[in-house]
Amino acid sequence: MHGLDLLLARQSHVMVLRVLYHADGPLTGREVERRTGLSNRGAMLALESLVELSAVRRYVEGNAYRYTLNPDHYLVSRVLKAAFEAEDLFWTDVRKLVRKIVHPRPMAVVAAGPLARDETLAWGRMELVMLFSSGRSRIRAFASTEELREAIQDRYGLPSVCTLLDVNIMDREEYDALWKRVAREGILLFGNLP
């Protein structure tokens, strides 16, 4: 029995396993390389290692090798699938945490920054942009941001930054770059943006 230490020995292993978990079917090595962002050599070494551990199955189709997770592998079926399913619920959990801690509740909350751009980023920073209906609500909610920051650090091991805006100041020129970034990479956690 191969333990988790071998299966998850390298970040490239986790990246490849994640891509194969989310794939609709078997992938070629080139597809795995493209989806993970790894170099060709890095992707192929990770795939070869995972095939040797029997966590990944490799077979020939046409003139290419195809790769898929081995659903019969104990750790893949019991541990990895559960871990990736929990990872898929990450933003749902963040949404619940924000709703629980931040009062008064914002009109909308958007996640932005490195973590929103790439959920696999190992040392990402969570950036939350919160929009309130009034300046008074924004100021009252400011008191809960430290509790939220501590809760995010404790629960996810991530540093976080909160930007609190209200509808009266959101159109100021100083926030143009922020709103462009939110439009490009933001993940709406709840609410509606005007």
C-alpha atoms as a PDB file:
ATOM      1  CA  MET A   1       0.000   0.000   0.000  1.00  0.00           C
ATOM      2  CA  HIS A   2       1.389   3.344  -1.012  1.00  0.00           C
ATOM      3  CA  GLY A   3       0.767   6.060   1.510  1.00  0.00           C
ATOM      4  CA  LEU A   4      -0.275   9.625   1.012  1.00  0.00           C
ATOM      5  CA  ASP A   5       3.310  10.768   1.468  1.00  0.00           C
ATOM      6  CA  LEU A   6       4.261   9.198  -1.880  1.00  0.00           C
ATOM      7  CA  LEU A   7       1.056  10.110  -3.655  1.00  0.00           C
ATOM      8  CA  LEU A   8       1.203  13.754  -2.605  1.00  0.00           C
ATOM      9  CA  ALA A   9       4.999  14.032  -2.463  1.00  0.00           C
ATOM     10  CA  ARG A  10       5.146  16.891  -4.939  1.00  0.00           C
ATOM     11  CA  GLN A  11       2.956  19.824  -5.821  1.00  0.00           C
ATOM     12  CA  SER A  12       3.007  18.611  -9.425  1.00  0.00           C
ATOM     13  CA  HIS A  13       1.382  15.338  -8.298  1.00  0.00           C
ATOM     14  CA  VAL A  14      -1.463  17.234  -6.647  1.00  0.00           C
ATOM     15  CA  MET A  15      -1.901  19.472  -9.707  1.00  0.00           C
ATOM     16  CA  VAL A  16      -2.083  16.469 -12.051  1.00  0.00           C
ATOM     17  CA  LEU A  17      -4.454  14.563  -9.767  1.00  0.00           C
ATOM     18  CA  ARG A  18      -6.709  17.623  -9.503  1.00  0.00           C
ATOM     19  CA  VAL A  19      -6.837  18.053 -13.297  1.00  0.00           C
ATOM     20  CA  LEU A  20      -7.626  14.372 -13.826  1.00  0.00           C
ATOM     21  CA  TYR A  21     -10.305  14.498 -11.127  1.00  0.00           C
ATOM     22  CA  HIS A  22     -12.056  17.412 -12.867  1.00  0.00           C
ATOM     23  CA  ALA A  23     -11.642  15.998 -16.389  1.00  0.00           C
ATOM     24  CA  ASP A  24     -14.719  14.726 -18.213  1.00  0.00           C
ATOM     25  CA  GLY A  25     -12.736  11.800 -19.615  1.00  0.00           C
ATOM     26  CA  PRO A  26      -9.210  10.528 -20.215  1.00  0.00           C
ATOM     27  CA  LEU A  27      -6.615  13.172 -21.126  1.00  0.00           C
ATOM     28  CA  THR A  28      -3.425  13.078 -23.160  1.00  0.00           C
ATOM     29  CA  GLY A  29      -0.174  14.115 -21.535  1.00  0.00           C
ATOM     30  CA  ARG A  30      -0.259  17.340 -23.555  1.00  0.00           C
ATOM     31  CA  GLU A  31      -3.768  18.138 -22.242  1.00  0.00           C
ATOM     32  CA  VAL A  32      -2.599  17.509 -18.672  1.00  0.00           C
ATOM     33  CA  GLU A  33       0.408  19.756 -19.292  1.00  0.00           C
ATOM     34  CA  ARG A  34      -1.776  22.566 -20.651  1.00  0.00           C
ATOM     35  CA  ARG A  35      -4.387  22.362 -17.882  1.00  0.00           C
ATOM     36  CA  THR A  36      -1.863  22.235 -15.045  1.00  0.00           C
ATOM     37  CA  GLY A  37       0.467  24.862 -16.475  1.00  0.00           C
ATOM     38  CA  LEU A  38       3.414  22.562 -15.792  1.00  0.00           C
ATOM     39  CA  SER A  39       6.291  22.170 -18.212  1.00  0.00           C
ATOM     40  CA  ASN A  40       6.160  19.129 -20.479  1.00  0.00           C
ATOM     41  CA  ARG A  41       8.872  17.443 -18.442  1.00  0.00           C
ATOM     42  CA  GLY A  42       7.188  18.275 -15.124  1.00  0.00           C
ATOM     43  CA  ALA A  43       3.812  16.944 -16.265  1.00  0.00           C
ATOM     44  CA  MET A  44       5.285  13.766 -17.734  1.00  0.00           C
ATOM     45  CA  LEU A  45       7.398  13.031 -14.646  1.00  0.00           C
ATOM     46  CA  ALA A  46       4.364  13.505 -12.405  1.00  0.00           C
ATOM     47  CA  LEU A  47       2.196  11.301 -14.630  1.00  0.00           C
ATOM     48  CA  GLU A  48       4.859   8.570 -14.758  1.00  0.00           C
ATOM     49  CA  SER A  49       5.242   8.612 -10.982  1.00  0.00           C
ATOM     50  CA  LEU A  50       1.468   8.473 -10.441  1.00  0.00           C
ATOM     51  CA  VAL A  51       1.150   5.591 -12.929  1.00  0.00           C
ATOM     52  CA  GLU A  52       3.852   3.694 -10.995  1.00  0.00           C
ATOM     53  CA  LEU A  53       1.854   4.275  -7.799  1.00  0.00           C
ATOM     54  CA  SER A  54      -1.291   2.958  -9.589  1.00  0.00           C
ATOM     55  CA  ALA A  55      -3.182   6.156  -8.761  1.00  0.00           C
ATOM     56  CA  VAL A  56      -3.394   6.962 -12.477  1.00  0.00           C
ATOM     57  CA  ARG A  57      -4.141   4.595 -15.331  1.00  0.00           C
ATOM     58  CA  ARG A  58      -2.381   4.961 -18.667  1.00  0.00           C
ATOM     59  CA  TYR A  59      -3.475   3.354 -21.910  1.00  0.00           C
ATOM     60  CA  VAL A  60      -2.848   3.800 -25.614  1.00  0.00           C
ATOM     61  CA  GLU A  61      -5.532   5.296 -27.815  1.00  0.00           C
ATOM     62  CA  GLY A  62      -4.527   5.887 -31.415  1.00  0.00           C
ATOM     63  CA  ASN A  63      -0.979   7.191 -31.295  1.00  0.00           C
ATOM     64  CA  ALA A  64      -1.220   8.861 -27.873  1.00  0.00           C
ATOM     65  CA  TYR A  65      -1.184   7.809 -24.258  1.00  0.00           C
ATOM     66  CA  ARG A  66      -4.331   8.697 -22.331  1.00  0.00           C
ATOM     67  CA  TYR A  67      -4.462   9.182 -18.567  1.00  0.00           C
ATOM     68  CA  THR A  68      -7.283   8.878 -16.074  1.00  0.00           C
ATOM     69  CA  LEU A  69      -7.610   8.468 -12.316  1.00  0.00           C
ATOM     70  CA  ASN A  70      -7.713   4.884 -11.111  1.00  0.00           C
ATOM     71  CA  PRO A  71     -11.072   4.682  -9.293  1.00  0.00           C
ATOM     72  CA  ASP A  72     -10.071   1.328  -7.791  1.00  0.00           C
ATOM     73  CA  HIS A  73      -7.042   2.772  -5.977  1.00  0.00           C
ATOM     74  CA  TYR A  74      -7.911   2.958  -2.285  1.00  0.00           C
ATOM     75  CA  LEU A  75      -6.478   6.417  -1.602  1.00  0.00           C
ATOM     76  CA  VAL A  76      -7.900   7.885  -4.809  1.00  0.00           C
ATOM     77  CA  SER A  77     -11.405   6.632  -4.067  1.00  0.00           C
ATOM     78  CA  ARG A  78     -11.396   7.326  -0.323  1.00  0.00           C
ATOM     79  CA  VAL A  79      -9.128  10.306   0.264  1.00  0.00           C
ATOM     80  CA  LEU A  80      -8.465  12.266  -2.914  1.00  0.00           C
ATOM     81  CA  LYS A  81     -12.034  12.383  -4.169  1.00  0.00           C
ATOM     82  CA  ALA A  82     -13.225  13.583  -0.763  1.00  0.00           C
ATOM     83  CA  ALA A  83     -10.451  16.199  -0.641  1.00  0.00           C
ATOM     84  CA  PHE A  84     -11.220  17.530  -4.126  1.00  0.00           C
ATOM     85  CA  GLU A  85     -14.959  17.589  -3.400  1.00  0.00           C
ATOM     86  CA  ALA A  86     -14.259  19.618  -0.255  1.00  0.00           C
ATOM     87  CA  GLU A  87     -11.986  21.896  -2.271  1.00  0.00           C
ATOM     88  CA  ASP A  88     -14.799  22.475  -4.772  1.00  0.00           C
ATOM     89  CA  LEU A  89     -16.963  23.739  -1.903  1.00  0.00           C
ATOM     90  CA  PHE A  90     -14.313  26.248  -0.760  1.00  0.00           C
ATOM     91  CA  TRP A  91     -16.066  29.409  -1.996  1.00  0.00           C
ATOM     92  CA  THR A  92     -19.403  28.185  -0.629  1.00  0.00           C
ATOM     93  CA  ASP A  93     -17.763  27.816   2.762  1.00  0.00           C
ATOM     94  CA  VAL A  94     -16.187  31.283   2.509  1.00  0.00           C
ATOM     95  CA  ARG A  95     -19.626  32.711   1.655  1.00  0.00           C
ATOM     96  CA  LYS A  96     -21.115  31.140   4.787  1.00  0.00           C
ATOM     97  CA  LEU A  97     -18.267  32.447   6.930  1.00  0.00           C
ATOM     98  CA  VAL A  98     -18.687  36.017   5.648  1.00  0.00           C
ATOM     99  CA  ARG A  99     -22.453  35.897   6.213  1.00  0.00           C
ATOM    100  CA  LYS A 100     -21.942  34.592   9.731  1.00  0.00           C
ATOM    101  CA  ILE A 101     -19.370  37.179  10.818  1.00  0.00           C
ATOM    102  CA  VAL A 102     -19.927  40.426   8.905  1.00  0.00           C
ATOM    103  CA  HIS A 103     -22.762  42.574  10.251  1.00  0.00           C
ATOM    104  CA  PRO A 104     -24.578  44.428   8.906  1.00  0.00           C
ATOM    105  CA  ARG A 105     -24.592  42.126   5.916  1.00  0.00           C
ATOM    106  CA  PRO A 106     -23.139  43.574   2.702  1.00  0.00           C
ATOM    107  CA  MET A 107     -25.232  43.970  -0.454  1.00  0.00           C
ATOM    108  CA  ALA A 108     -22.596  41.977  -2.329  1.00  0.00           C
ATOM    109  CA  VAL A 109     -19.258  40.293  -1.688  1.00  0.00           C
ATOM    110  CA  VAL A 110     -16.737  39.486  -4.408  1.00  0.00           C
ATOM    111  CA  ALA A 111     -13.533  37.483  -4.008  1.00  0.00           C
ATOM    112  CA  ALA A 112     -10.618  38.804  -6.062  1.00  0.00           C
ATOM    113  CA  GLY A 113      -6.836  38.636  -6.113  1.00  0.00           C
ATOM    114  CA  PRO A 114      -4.404  35.746  -6.435  1.00  0.00           C
ATOM    115  CA  LEU A 115      -6.677  33.117  -4.929  1.00  0.00           C
ATOM    116  CA  ALA A 116      -9.592  33.992  -7.211  1.00  0.00           C
ATOM    117  CA  ARG A 117      -7.325  33.941 -10.262  1.00  0.00           C
ATOM    118  CA  ASP A 118      -5.953  30.496  -9.482  1.00  0.00           C
ATOM    119  CA  GLU A 119      -7.539  28.338  -6.769  1.00  0.00           C
ATOM    120  CA  THR A 120      -4.531  26.027  -6.842  1.00  0.00           C
ATOM    121  CA  LEU A 121      -2.135  28.776  -5.829  1.00  0.00           C
ATOM    122  CA  ALA A 122      -0.338  27.433  -2.787  1.00  0.00           C
ATOM    123  CA  TRP A 123       0.214  30.705  -0.939  1.00  0.00           C
ATOM    124  CA  GLY A 124      -2.598  32.852  -2.257  1.00  0.00           C
ATOM    125  CA  ARG A 125      -4.114  35.788  -0.454  1.00  0.00           C
ATOM    126  CA  MET A 126      -7.854  36.093  -0.113  1.00  0.00           C
ATOM    127  CA  GLU A 127      -9.106  39.510  -1.153  1.00  0.00           C
ATOM    128  CA  LEU A 128     -12.734  40.279  -0.422  1.00  0.00           C
ATOM    129  CA  VAL A 129     -14.499  43.335  -1.809  1.00  0.00           C
ATOM    130  CA  MET A 130     -17.664  44.116   0.142  1.00  0.00           C
ATOM    131  CA  LEU A 131     -20.284  46.549  -1.077  1.00  0.00           C
ATOM    132  CA  PHE A 132     -22.702  48.127   1.402  1.00  0.00           C
ATOM    133  CA  SER A 133     -25.892  50.103   0.880  1.00  0.00           C
ATOM    134  CA  SER A 134     -24.666  53.096   2.885  1.00  0.00           C
ATOM    135  CA  GLY A 135     -21.595  54.608   4.457  1.00  0.00           C
ATOM    136  CA  ARG A 136     -23.100  54.015   7.884  1.00  0.00           C
ATOM    137  CA  SER A 137     -23.445  50.249   7.216  1.00  0.00           C
ATOM    138  CA  ARG A 138     -19.903  50.130   5.849  1.00  0.00           C
ATOM    139  CA  ILE A 139     -18.490  51.832   8.951  1.00  0.00           C
ATOM    140  CA  ARG A 140     -20.471  49.574  11.312  1.00  0.00           C
ATOM    141  CA  ALA A 141     -19.282  46.463   9.446  1.00  0.00           C
ATOM    142  CA  PHE A 142     -15.668  47.582   9.645  1.00  0.00           C
ATOM    143  CA  ALA A 143     -15.552  46.389  13.267  1.00  0.00           C
ATOM    144  CA  SER A 144     -16.174  42.790  12.169  1.00  0.00           C
ATOM    145  CA  THR A 145     -13.394  42.664   9.552  1.00  0.00           C
ATOM    146  CA  GLU A 146     -10.691  41.804  12.090  1.00  0.00           C
ATOM    147  CA  GLU A 147     -12.783  38.879  13.346  1.00  0.00           C
ATOM    148  CA  LEU A 148     -13.288  37.782   9.724  1.00  0.00           C
ATOM    149  CA  ARG A 149      -9.563  38.059   8.993  1.00  0.00           C
ATOM    150  CA  GLU A 150      -8.746  35.899  12.030  1.00  0.00           C
ATOM    151  CA  ALA A 151     -11.441  33.360  11.109  1.00  0.00           C
ATOM    152  CA  ILE A 152     -10.105  33.072   7.539  1.00  0.00           C
ATOM    153  CA  GLN A 153      -6.553  32.617   8.819  1.00  0.00           C
ATOM    154  CA  ASP A 154      -7.676  30.001  11.345  1.00  0.00           C
ATOM    155  CA  ARG A 155      -9.999  28.075   9.006  1.00  0.00           C
ATOM    156  CA  TYR A 156      -8.050  28.178   5.727  1.00  0.00           C
ATOM    157  CA  GLY A 157      -4.537  29.211   6.726  1.00  0.00           C
ATOM    158  CA  LEU A 158      -4.740  32.193   4.380  1.00  0.00           C
ATOM    159  CA  PRO A 159      -3.975  35.853   4.853  1.00  0.00           C
ATOM    160  CA  SER A 160      -6.856  38.089   3.824  1.00  0.00           C
ATOM    161  CA  VAL A 161      -7.608  41.675   2.910  1.00  0.00           C
ATOM    162  CA  CYS A 162     -11.068  43.247   2.987  1.00  0.00           C
ATOM    163  CA  THR A 163     -12.042  46.309   0.989  1.00  0.00           C
ATOM    164  CA  LEU A 164     -15.278  47.858   2.203  1.00  0.00           C
ATOM    165  CA  LEU A 165     -17.135  50.193  -0.147  1.00  0.00           C
ATOM    166  CA  ASP A 166     -20.605  51.645  -0.259  1.00  0.00           C
ATOM    167  CA  VAL A 167     -22.750  52.594  -3.235  1.00  0.00           C
ATOM    168  CA  ASN A 168     -22.060  56.288  -2.608  1.00  0.00           C
ATOM    169  CA  ILE A 169     -18.291  55.992  -3.101  1.00  0.00           C
ATOM    170  CA  MET A 170     -17.929  52.998  -5.424  1.00  0.00           C
ATOM    171  CA  ASP A 171     -17.856  55.143  -8.585  1.00  0.00           C
ATOM    172  CA  ARG A 172     -14.903  57.252  -7.486  1.00  0.00           C
ATOM    173  CA  GLU A 173     -11.979  57.258  -9.880  1.00  0.00           C
ATOM    174  CA  GLU A 174      -9.639  55.844  -7.232  1.00  0.00           C
ATOM    175  CA  TYR A 175     -11.597  52.561  -7.350  1.00  0.00           C
ATOM    176  CA  ASP A 176     -11.570  52.153 -11.161  1.00  0.00           C
ATOM    177  CA  ALA A 177      -8.610  49.753 -11.115  1.00  0.00           C
ATOM    178  CA  LEU A 178     -10.266  47.684  -8.388  1.00  0.00           C
ATOM    179  CA  TRP A 179     -13.534  47.355 -10.326  1.00  0.00           C
ATOM    180  CA  LYS A 180     -11.660  46.412 -13.513  1.00  0.00           C
ATOM    181  CA  ARG A 181      -9.885  43.669 -11.575  1.00  0.00           C
ATOM    182  CA  VAL A 182     -13.173  42.514 -10.041  1.00  0.00           C
ATOM    183  CA  ALA A 183     -14.736  42.354 -13.517  1.00  0.00           C
ATOM    184  CA  ARG A 184     -11.772  40.378 -14.851  1.00  0.00           C
ATOM    185  CA  GLU A 185     -11.185  37.873 -12.065  1.00  0.00           C
ATOM    186  CA  GLY A 186     -13.841  38.305  -9.403  1.00  0.00           C
ATOM    187  CA  ILE A 187     -15.924  35.496  -7.976  1.00  0.00           C
ATOM    188  CA  LEU A 188     -19.293  36.761  -6.774  1.00  0.00           C
ATOM    189  CA  LEU A 189     -19.910  35.099  -3.417  1.00  0.00           C
ATOM    190  CA  PHE A 190     -23.359  36.583  -2.893  1.00  0.00           C
ATOM    191  CA  GLY A 191     -25.540  39.557  -3.701  1.00  0.00           C
ATOM    192  CA  ASN A 192     -25.738  41.709  -6.811  1.00  0.00           C
ATOM    193  CA  LEU A 193     -23.435  44.429  -8.012  1.00  0.00           C
ATOM    194  CA  PRO A 194     -25.129  47.582  -9.342  1.00  0.00           C
END
